[in-house]
Amino acid sequence: MSEALRSARGLLGHMFLVLELNFRSRQAIVYGYLVPLLFLVAFGSVFRAEEPALLGQMGQLITITILGGACFGLPTALVAERERGIWRRYRLLPVPTALLVADVLLARVVLVATSVALQVVAARVLYHTPLPGHPALAAGAVVLVTGSFLGFGLLIAAAADDVPAVQAIGQCLFLPMIMIGGVGLPLAALPAWAQAVAGFMPGRYAVELLERVYCGGAAPGGGGFGVAALLAMGLSAGVAGARLFRWEVGGRLGRGGVPWALAPLGAWVAVGAAAAWTGHLRPELPPDIGYEALTDAEMASVDVSHVPGDDEFVSRLSRPLPRGVGVADPLTRRLEAWAPGHAADSGQAVRNLLCVAALADVSRDLEEGQIARRVFDLLRSRYEAYRLRRILAWIALYPASGSALTSVPELGFPRTYSESIVRQRVALYAAKLLGRLDGRLRD
């Protein structure tokens, strides 16, 4: 057997040993698996009345789970092993110690991933929360966020003299992100100054990335700045942590280690400054979940006075149908059974139905006005008025959010149209229908 193969087998065995020792520890099981479930129940007791329950909070919950595993679990294990002299002995092995550290980091990714998976399944079972809209992208986002936060964990392990110090340093990182970093409390619920400060913290970008891939109805776009921010912050902390890592008890950082320890803080400041320069400090609400945070003033700000008339060339809408008419016509039955109209996210479901009216309008269908009327009647019958008002206001105010259908062949619109035009018509119909619900437009 070659030397390289023996080394590879040894490293693999070491990783499995790390996993086995973790599962032998009751404390590790409690903090790694039970505490995330307690956070899930706590969030569920507050947000379970939403529809669908907890969908808008899964990004926060997963971020909290990753923070716990990466910034508490990892450094606690490393420092405890250092205190027992394990890492001093590892240096005597004929294997680069950097590979042993990488082994520990990889094992921690596995532990965090299984904890996140348990939390997602529990949310589905307990609160009927939808599973991620993009499983592959969600898994990639979890790995990315975990890798970034493991850099902070490695730096904490390098800075802490003992296990109690790990808890103290970890709380200095954990609590600000929970309180004002958009992790524990939604950014939309925070004052403007806290939203700006959150732009300097990695937790805010982790939550936004995870929400984007968890809630999206179609393949999510954007998010490049958040990914770059997480990579920059995590890489700077990881490099500093590796540079300052102490293999024996009693070592001190020394003056030469101070610049390395401060380098990650500089990365946070640089990311925040870049966010302010590029306009990314403003909170990015998850796709079509943002209507939950709309205020009455924001809903009233939707201008319905300039929408085209019902008989004009754009956004036609027929008069209300007499009672009982059109209830059983083929189009109504197909709209009621149409799967995209029953999307787990109510905001996306409403947008999908409005896309049908928009496509009929763009294609100049002979029955475009009647189709829009049937969509409107279906929406009013399916949603409570206060909820429908919020969703329509959100769509009118943020026409670029969510996903837009550019063709619906199953309903008779096979031709593909420009997404920008479809979104424009969807926003017009949203404003037109909102005006009728508010009483600002006559029906």
Protein backbone atom coordinates (compact mmCIF):
# COMPACT_ATOMS: atom_id res chain seq x y z
CA MET A 1 0.00 0.00 0.00
CA SER A 2 1.42 3.37 -0.99
CA GLU A 3 2.25 6.02 1.56
CA ALA A 4 -0.34 8.44 0.10
CA LEU A 5 -3.09 5.83 0.36
CA ARG A 6 -2.18 5.02 3.95
CA SER A 7 -2.24 8.73 4.82
CA ALA A 8 -5.65 9.14 3.16
CA ARG A 9 -7.05 6.18 5.07
CA GLY A 10 -5.60 7.52 8.28
CA LEU A 11 -7.17 10.94 7.74
CA LEU A 12 -10.53 9.36 6.94
CA GLY A 13 -10.28 7.27 10.10
CA HIS A 14 -9.47 10.40 12.08
CA MET A 15 -12.55 12.18 10.75
CA PHE A 16 -14.79 9.25 11.73
CA LEU A 17 -13.14 9.24 15.14
CA VAL A 18 -14.01 12.93 15.58
CA LEU A 19 -17.63 12.17 14.67
CA GLU A 20 -17.77 9.19 17.02
CA LEU A 21 -16.38 11.18 19.95
CA ASN A 22 -18.92 13.93 19.31
CA PHE A 23 -21.84 11.50 19.46
CA ARG A 24 -20.46 10.01 22.69
CA SER A 25 -20.69 13.41 24.38
CA ARG A 26 -24.07 14.22 25.92
CA GLN A 27 -23.19 17.89 26.02
CA ALA A 28 -22.39 17.89 22.30
CA ILE A 29 -25.69 16.15 21.51
CA VAL A 30 -27.67 18.65 23.61
CA TYR A 31 -26.04 21.74 22.13
CA GLY A 32 -25.79 20.38 18.60
CA TYR A 33 -29.24 18.83 18.17
CA LEU A 34 -31.57 19.59 21.09
CA VAL A 35 -30.94 23.34 21.34
CA PRO A 36 -31.74 23.92 17.62
CA LEU A 37 -35.05 22.09 18.15
CA LEU A 38 -35.78 24.33 21.15
CA PHE A 39 -35.18 27.38 18.96
CA LEU A 40 -37.55 25.86 16.39
CA VAL A 41 -40.30 25.43 19.00
CA ALA A 42 -39.71 28.96 20.32
CA PHE A 43 -40.02 30.47 16.84
CA GLY A 44 -42.98 28.21 16.10
CA SER A 45 -44.88 29.45 19.15
CA VAL A 46 -44.58 33.00 17.81
CA PHE A 47 -44.92 32.55 14.04
CA ARG A 48 -47.07 29.42 13.66
CA ALA A 49 -50.15 31.52 12.75
CA GLU A 50 -48.47 32.62 9.53
CA GLU A 51 -49.22 30.82 6.28
CA PRO A 52 -47.17 28.80 5.62
CA ALA A 53 -45.86 28.63 9.17
CA LEU A 54 -42.16 29.51 9.73
CA LEU A 55 -41.35 29.75 6.02
CA GLY A 56 -40.14 33.32 6.47
CA GLN A 57 -38.08 32.41 9.54
CA MET A 58 -36.21 29.30 8.35
CA GLY A 59 -33.25 31.37 7.21
CA GLN A 60 -32.89 32.76 10.73
CA LEU A 61 -33.30 29.36 12.39
CA ILE A 62 -30.73 27.67 10.17
CA THR A 63 -28.28 30.52 10.69
CA ILE A 64 -28.63 30.18 14.48
CA THR A 65 -27.98 26.44 14.19
CA ILE A 66 -24.87 27.00 12.08
CA LEU A 67 -23.62 29.71 14.45
CA GLY A 68 -23.96 27.35 17.40
CA GLY A 69 -22.12 24.50 15.72
CA ALA A 70 -19.38 26.58 14.13
CA CYS A 71 -18.72 29.28 16.71
CA PHE A 72 -19.31 27.27 19.89
CA GLY A 73 -19.10 23.57 19.07
CA LEU A 74 -15.90 23.71 17.01
CA PRO A 75 -13.76 25.96 19.26
CA THR A 76 -14.98 24.19 22.40
CA ALA A 77 -13.82 20.84 21.02
CA LEU A 78 -10.50 22.22 19.78
CA VAL A 79 -9.64 24.01 23.02
CA ALA A 80 -10.70 21.04 25.16
CA GLU A 81 -8.44 18.76 23.11
CA ARG A 82 -5.59 21.24 23.38
CA GLU A 83 -5.98 21.30 27.17
CA ARG A 84 -5.70 17.51 27.22
CA GLY A 85 -2.53 17.64 25.14
CA ILE A 86 -4.06 15.91 22.12
CA TRP A 87 -2.92 18.45 19.56
CA ARG A 88 0.61 18.46 20.95
CA ARG A 89 0.71 14.72 20.27
CA TYR A 90 -0.81 15.14 16.82
CA ARG A 91 2.23 17.19 15.81
CA LEU A 92 4.36 14.07 16.23
CA LEU A 93 2.43 12.20 13.54
CA PRO A 94 3.94 11.88 10.03
CA VAL A 95 0.96 13.80 8.65
CA PRO A 96 0.75 17.56 8.12
CA THR A 97 -1.18 19.01 11.06
CA ALA A 98 -3.03 21.27 8.62
CA LEU A 99 -4.70 18.15 7.19
CA LEU A 100 -5.75 17.09 10.69
CA VAL A 101 -7.34 20.50 11.25
CA ALA A 102 -9.08 20.19 7.88
CA ASP A 103 -10.36 16.79 9.04
CA VAL A 104 -11.91 18.39 12.12
CA LEU A 105 -13.48 21.16 10.03
CA LEU A 106 -14.96 18.64 7.58
CA ALA A 107 -16.39 16.61 10.45
CA ARG A 108 -17.96 19.77 11.84
CA VAL A 109 -19.59 20.48 8.46
CA VAL A 110 -21.17 17.02 8.64
CA LEU A 111 -22.41 17.63 12.18
CA VAL A 112 -23.89 21.03 11.34
CA ALA A 113 -25.51 19.70 8.15
CA THR A 114 -27.21 16.85 10.02
CA SER A 115 -28.44 19.29 12.67
CA VAL A 116 -29.88 21.58 10.00
CA ALA A 117 -31.52 18.62 8.25
CA LEU A 118 -33.13 17.54 11.54
CA GLN A 119 -34.42 21.06 12.08
CA VAL A 120 -35.92 21.26 8.58
CA VAL A 121 -37.64 17.88 8.95
CA ALA A 122 -38.96 18.82 12.41
CA ALA A 123 -40.37 22.08 11.04
CA ARG A 124 -42.12 20.10 8.32
CA VAL A 125 -43.58 17.59 10.79
CA LEU A 126 -44.55 20.01 13.56
CA TYR A 127 -45.66 23.09 11.61
CA HIS A 128 -46.10 21.83 8.01
CA THR A 129 -43.39 24.25 6.88
CA PRO A 130 -42.58 23.65 3.19
CA LEU A 131 -39.28 22.01 2.39
CA PRO A 132 -36.65 24.16 0.61
CA GLY A 133 -37.78 25.37 -2.78
CA HIS A 134 -34.31 24.58 -4.18
CA PRO A 135 -32.85 21.62 -2.26
CA ALA A 136 -29.52 21.57 -4.09
CA LEU A 137 -29.03 25.33 -3.78
CA ALA A 138 -30.14 25.21 -0.14
CA ALA A 139 -27.57 22.50 0.61
CA GLY A 140 -24.88 24.55 -1.12
CA ALA A 141 -25.88 27.65 0.84
CA VAL A 142 -25.70 25.73 4.14
CA VAL A 143 -22.20 24.51 3.27
CA LEU A 144 -21.11 28.01 2.25
CA VAL A 145 -22.45 29.65 5.43
CA THR A 146 -21.02 26.84 7.59
CA GLY A 147 -17.60 27.18 5.94
CA SER A 148 -17.64 30.93 6.52
CA PHE A 149 -18.62 30.62 10.18
CA LEU A 150 -16.08 27.85 10.77
CA GLY A 151 -13.44 30.47 10.05
CA PHE A 152 -14.76 32.46 13.02
CA GLY A 153 -14.78 29.29 15.12
CA LEU A 154 -11.14 28.61 14.28
CA LEU A 155 -10.21 32.16 15.26
CA ILE A 156 -12.09 31.83 18.57
CA ALA A 157 -10.20 28.62 19.28
CA ALA A 158 -6.92 30.42 18.62
CA ALA A 159 -7.80 33.35 20.88
CA ALA A 160 -9.32 31.40 23.82
CA ASP A 161 -7.05 30.19 26.61
CA ASP A 162 -9.58 27.67 27.93
CA VAL A 163 -13.13 26.40 27.40
CA PRO A 164 -14.84 29.11 29.52
CA ALA A 165 -13.04 31.71 27.40
CA VAL A 166 -14.56 30.10 24.30
CA GLN A 167 -18.03 30.74 25.68
CA ALA A 168 -17.20 34.34 26.54
CA ILE A 169 -15.64 35.17 23.16
CA GLY A 170 -18.36 33.27 21.32
CA GLN A 171 -21.09 35.25 23.06
CA CYS A 172 -19.39 38.49 22.01
CA LEU A 173 -19.90 37.32 18.41
CA PHE A 174 -23.23 35.52 18.85
CA LEU A 175 -25.30 38.02 20.84
CA PRO A 176 -24.81 41.11 18.60
CA MET A 177 -25.81 39.11 15.53
CA ILE A 178 -28.85 37.73 17.37
CA MET A 179 -30.01 41.10 18.71
CA ILE A 180 -29.19 43.61 15.96
CA GLY A 181 -27.61 41.53 13.19
CA GLY A 182 -30.82 40.28 11.57
CA VAL A 183 -30.44 36.72 12.92
CA GLY A 184 -32.69 36.60 15.99
CA LEU A 185 -34.96 39.48 14.99
CA PRO A 186 -35.98 40.16 11.36
CA LEU A 187 -34.19 43.14 9.86
CA ALA A 188 -37.53 44.71 8.92
CA ALA A 189 -38.45 44.85 12.63
CA LEU A 190 -35.25 46.67 13.61
CA PRO A 191 -34.72 50.45 13.65
CA ALA A 192 -32.86 52.05 10.77
CA TRP A 193 -29.58 52.37 12.69
CA ALA A 194 -29.61 48.65 13.56
CA GLN A 195 -30.30 47.73 9.93
CA ALA A 196 -27.24 49.74 8.93
CA VAL A 197 -25.07 48.12 11.61
CA ALA A 198 -26.27 44.66 10.51
CA GLY A 199 -24.68 45.31 7.12
CA PHE A 200 -21.28 45.00 8.82
CA MET A 201 -22.10 41.54 10.25
CA PRO A 202 -21.97 38.16 8.51
CA GLY A 203 -25.20 36.88 10.08
CA ARG A 204 -27.32 39.26 8.03
CA TYR A 205 -25.91 37.96 4.73
CA ALA A 206 -26.24 34.34 5.88
CA VAL A 207 -29.95 34.82 6.66
CA GLU A 208 -30.64 36.56 3.34
CA LEU A 209 -28.85 33.87 1.33
CA LEU A 210 -30.63 31.01 3.11
CA GLU A 211 -34.02 32.71 2.80
CA ARG A 212 -33.46 33.30 -0.89
CA VAL A 213 -32.85 29.63 -1.68
CA TYR A 214 -35.39 28.32 0.85
CA CYS A 215 -38.38 30.45 -0.13
CA GLY A 216 -37.87 30.96 -3.86
CA GLY A 217 -40.42 29.65 -6.33
CA ALA A 218 -38.06 29.68 -9.30
CA ALA A 219 -34.29 29.56 -9.48
CA PRO A 220 -33.23 32.54 -7.39
CA GLY A 221 -31.11 35.22 -8.90
CA GLY A 222 -28.91 37.82 -7.30
CA GLY A 223 -27.35 37.39 -3.90
CA GLY A 224 -23.84 37.77 -5.28
CA PHE A 225 -22.91 40.50 -2.82
CA GLY A 226 -23.97 38.39 0.17
CA VAL A 227 -21.96 35.42 -1.07
CA ALA A 228 -18.89 37.60 -1.58
CA ALA A 229 -19.36 39.13 1.88
CA LEU A 230 -19.52 35.73 3.56
CA LEU A 231 -16.47 34.50 1.67
CA ALA A 232 -14.44 37.62 2.53
CA MET A 233 -15.36 37.60 6.22
CA GLY A 234 -14.99 33.84 6.67
CA LEU A 235 -11.73 33.58 4.75
CA SER A 236 -10.11 36.43 6.65
CA ALA A 237 -11.11 34.86 9.99
CA GLY A 238 -10.02 31.39 8.88
CA VAL A 239 -6.60 32.54 7.71
CA ALA A 240 -6.08 34.49 10.94
CA GLY A 241 -7.24 31.53 13.02
CA ALA A 242 -4.89 29.14 11.21
CA ARG A 243 -2.00 31.57 11.58
CA LEU A 244 -2.59 32.02 15.32
CA PHE A 245 -3.63 28.46 16.17
CA ARG A 246 -1.94 27.24 19.38
CA TRP A 247 -0.99 23.58 19.67
CA GLU A 248 -0.06 23.56 23.34
CA VAL A 249 -1.53 24.89 26.56
CA GLY A 250 -0.05 28.10 27.87
CA GLY A 251 0.93 29.66 24.57
CA ARG A 252 0.31 33.36 24.09
CA LEU A 253 -0.56 35.30 20.97
CA GLY A 254 2.10 37.95 21.52
CA ARG A 255 2.32 41.32 19.85
CA GLY A 256 2.90 39.79 16.45
CA GLY A 257 -0.49 38.10 16.63
CA VAL A 258 -2.48 41.27 17.23
CA PRO A 259 -2.56 42.37 13.57
CA TRP A 260 -3.74 38.91 12.55
CA ALA A 261 -6.44 38.97 15.22
CA LEU A 262 -7.66 42.38 14.02
CA ALA A 263 -7.63 41.47 10.33
CA PRO A 264 -11.13 39.86 10.40
CA LEU A 265 -12.53 43.00 12.03
CA GLY A 266 -11.10 44.96 9.11
CA ALA A 267 -12.90 42.60 6.72
CA TRP A 268 -16.20 43.30 8.51
CA VAL A 269 -15.64 47.05 8.20
CA ALA A 270 -14.68 46.73 4.52
CA VAL A 271 -17.79 44.66 3.74
CA GLY A 272 -20.04 47.15 5.54
CA ALA A 273 -18.45 50.06 3.72
CA ALA A 274 -18.90 48.27 0.40
CA ALA A 275 -22.54 47.56 1.28
CA ALA A 276 -23.12 51.25 2.03
CA TRP A 277 -21.37 52.26 -1.20
CA THR A 278 -23.37 49.85 -3.38
CA GLY A 279 -26.73 50.29 -1.64
CA HIS A 280 -26.82 46.82 -0.03
CA LEU A 281 -27.37 48.08 3.52
CA ARG A 282 -31.12 48.10 2.93
CA PRO A 283 -32.74 44.86 4.15
CA GLU A 284 -33.44 42.30 1.47
CA LEU A 285 -36.74 40.62 2.32
CA PRO A 286 -37.24 37.01 1.23
CA PRO A 287 -39.18 36.35 -2.01
CA ASP A 288 -42.86 37.21 -1.57
CA ILE A 289 -42.67 36.80 2.21
CA GLY A 290 -42.05 40.52 2.71
CA TYR A 291 -45.76 41.35 2.68
CA GLU A 292 -45.90 40.18 6.31
CA ALA A 293 -43.81 43.20 7.29
CA LEU A 294 -45.77 45.83 5.32
CA THR A 295 -47.25 48.65 7.38
CA ASP A 296 -50.64 50.27 6.75
CA ALA A 297 -48.82 53.39 5.57
CA GLU A 298 -46.86 51.39 2.99
CA MET A 299 -50.03 49.73 1.69
CA ALA A 300 -51.73 53.12 1.43
CA SER A 301 -48.73 54.45 -0.51
CA VAL A 302 -49.61 52.30 -3.54
CA ASP A 303 -50.77 54.82 -6.16
CA VAL A 304 -53.94 53.52 -7.83
CA SER A 305 -54.98 56.82 -9.34
CA HIS A 306 -52.85 56.40 -12.45
CA VAL A 307 -53.62 52.80 -13.37
CA PRO A 308 -55.18 52.43 -16.84
CA GLY A 309 -58.95 52.23 -17.09
CA ASP A 310 -60.65 48.86 -17.28
CA ASP A 311 -61.52 49.30 -20.97
CA GLU A 312 -58.17 50.71 -22.08
CA PHE A 313 -55.55 48.86 -24.13
CA VAL A 314 -53.48 47.76 -21.10
CA SER A 315 -54.74 45.71 -18.11
CA ARG A 316 -58.31 45.22 -19.24
CA LEU A 317 -60.80 44.07 -16.63
CA SER A 318 -64.41 43.13 -17.36
CA ARG A 319 -67.29 44.18 -15.16
CA PRO A 320 -68.28 41.99 -12.22
CA LEU A 321 -70.11 38.86 -13.28
CA PRO A 322 -73.67 38.38 -12.06
CA ARG A 323 -73.94 36.16 -8.99
CA GLY A 324 -73.50 32.50 -9.94
CA VAL A 325 -72.30 33.23 -13.47
CA GLY A 326 -68.89 31.82 -14.41
CA VAL A 327 -68.58 29.70 -11.29
CA ALA A 328 -68.53 26.43 -13.21
CA ASP A 329 -67.10 27.54 -16.56
CA PRO A 330 -64.05 25.58 -17.84
CA LEU A 331 -61.55 28.41 -17.27
CA THR A 332 -62.60 28.88 -13.66
CA ARG A 333 -62.33 25.16 -12.99
CA ARG A 334 -58.85 25.03 -14.56
CA LEU A 335 -57.71 28.06 -12.54
CA GLU A 336 -58.99 26.53 -9.32
CA ALA A 337 -57.09 23.28 -9.96
CA TRP A 338 -53.95 24.92 -11.39
CA ALA A 339 -50.98 23.79 -9.24
CA PRO A 340 -48.94 27.07 -9.34
CA GLY A 341 -52.00 28.84 -7.94
CA HIS A 342 -51.64 26.67 -4.84
CA ALA A 343 -47.94 27.36 -4.19
CA ALA A 344 -46.85 26.96 -0.57
CA ASP A 345 -45.96 30.66 -0.43
CA SER A 346 -49.21 32.63 -0.63
CA GLY A 347 -47.40 35.62 -2.12
CA GLN A 348 -46.03 33.54 -4.98
CA ALA A 349 -49.39 31.81 -5.49
CA VAL A 350 -51.12 35.19 -5.93
CA ARG A 351 -48.36 36.37 -8.26
CA ASN A 352 -48.73 33.21 -10.36
CA LEU A 353 -52.47 33.80 -10.79
CA LEU A 354 -51.88 37.43 -11.69
CA CYS A 355 -49.38 36.23 -14.29
CA VAL A 356 -52.26 34.44 -16.04
CA ALA A 357 -54.17 37.72 -16.30
CA ALA A 358 -50.99 39.49 -17.42
CA LEU A 359 -50.29 36.92 -20.16
CA ALA A 360 -53.85 37.19 -21.43
CA ASP A 361 -53.41 40.96 -21.55
CA VAL A 362 -50.00 40.88 -23.26
CA SER A 363 -51.15 38.31 -25.83
CA ARG A 364 -54.29 40.38 -26.56
CA ASP A 365 -56.52 37.44 -25.88
CA LEU A 366 -60.12 38.07 -26.93
CA GLU A 367 -61.23 37.31 -23.39
CA GLU A 368 -58.45 39.12 -21.52
CA GLY A 369 -60.88 41.18 -19.46
CA GLN A 370 -62.95 38.15 -18.47
CA ILE A 371 -59.82 36.19 -17.56
CA ALA A 372 -58.62 38.99 -15.29
CA ARG A 373 -62.07 39.14 -13.67
CA ARG A 374 -62.05 35.40 -12.98
CA VAL A 375 -58.57 35.67 -11.45
CA PHE A 376 -59.77 38.51 -9.23
CA ASP A 377 -62.88 36.61 -8.11
CA LEU A 378 -60.78 33.51 -7.38
CA LEU A 379 -58.33 35.50 -5.27
CA ARG A 380 -61.13 37.10 -3.24
CA SER A 381 -62.72 33.72 -2.60
CA ARG A 382 -59.42 32.09 -1.60
CA TYR A 383 -57.88 34.71 0.72
CA GLU A 384 -59.12 36.87 3.53
CA ALA A 385 -59.36 40.52 2.53
CA TYR A 386 -56.70 41.84 4.92
CA ARG A 387 -54.19 39.19 3.75
CA LEU A 388 -54.94 39.70 0.07
CA ARG A 389 -54.49 43.46 0.48
CA ARG A 390 -51.03 42.96 1.92
CA ILE A 391 -49.98 40.57 -0.83
CA LEU A 392 -51.29 42.81 -3.62
CA ALA A 393 -49.60 45.86 -2.08
CA TRP A 394 -46.31 43.94 -1.84
CA ILE A 395 -46.52 42.91 -5.49
CA ALA A 396 -47.35 46.46 -6.59
CA LEU A 397 -44.53 47.98 -4.51
CA TYR A 398 -41.92 45.33 -5.34
CA PRO A 399 -42.69 44.04 -8.85
CA ALA A 400 -39.22 42.48 -9.19
CA SER A 401 -39.61 40.17 -6.20
CA GLY A 402 -40.61 36.52 -6.43
CA SER A 403 -40.73 34.76 -9.79
CA ALA A 404 -42.82 35.57 -12.86
CA LEU A 405 -44.30 33.09 -15.33
CA THR A 406 -43.64 34.11 -18.91
CA SER A 407 -45.76 31.36 -20.46
CA VAL A 408 -48.52 29.04 -19.24
CA PRO A 409 -49.18 26.47 -21.97
CA GLU A 410 -51.44 24.38 -19.73
CA LEU A 411 -53.89 27.30 -19.59
CA GLY A 412 -53.65 28.18 -23.27
CA PHE A 413 -50.73 30.64 -23.29
CA PRO A 414 -47.83 28.69 -24.86
CA ARG A 415 -45.96 31.69 -26.26
CA THR A 416 -43.15 33.11 -24.11
CA TYR A 417 -43.19 36.86 -23.47
CA SER A 418 -40.67 39.27 -22.00
CA GLU A 419 -40.44 38.87 -18.23
CA SER A 420 -40.19 42.63 -17.70
CA ILE A 421 -43.45 43.21 -19.57
CA VAL A 422 -45.22 40.45 -17.66
CA ARG A 423 -44.01 41.87 -14.33
CA GLN A 424 -45.21 45.33 -15.36
CA ARG A 425 -48.70 44.04 -16.13
CA VAL A 426 -48.77 41.98 -12.93
CA ALA A 427 -47.98 45.13 -10.91
CA LEU A 428 -50.76 47.03 -12.73
CA TYR A 429 -53.31 44.32 -12.00
CA ALA A 430 -52.14 44.14 -8.39
CA ALA A 431 -52.66 47.89 -7.96
CA LYS A 432 -56.00 47.75 -9.76
CA LEU A 433 -57.34 44.95 -7.60
CA LEU A 434 -55.92 46.51 -4.42
CA GLY A 435 -57.75 49.74 -5.22
CA ARG A 436 -61.02 47.83 -5.39
CA LEU A 437 -60.41 46.10 -2.08
CA ASP A 438 -59.52 49.42 -0.45
CA GLY A 439 -62.52 51.18 -1.95
CA ARG A 440 -60.32 53.68 -3.79
CA LEU A 441 -61.47 52.36 -7.18
CA ARG A 442 -65.04 51.59 -8.17
CA ASP A 443 -65.71 48.06 -9.30
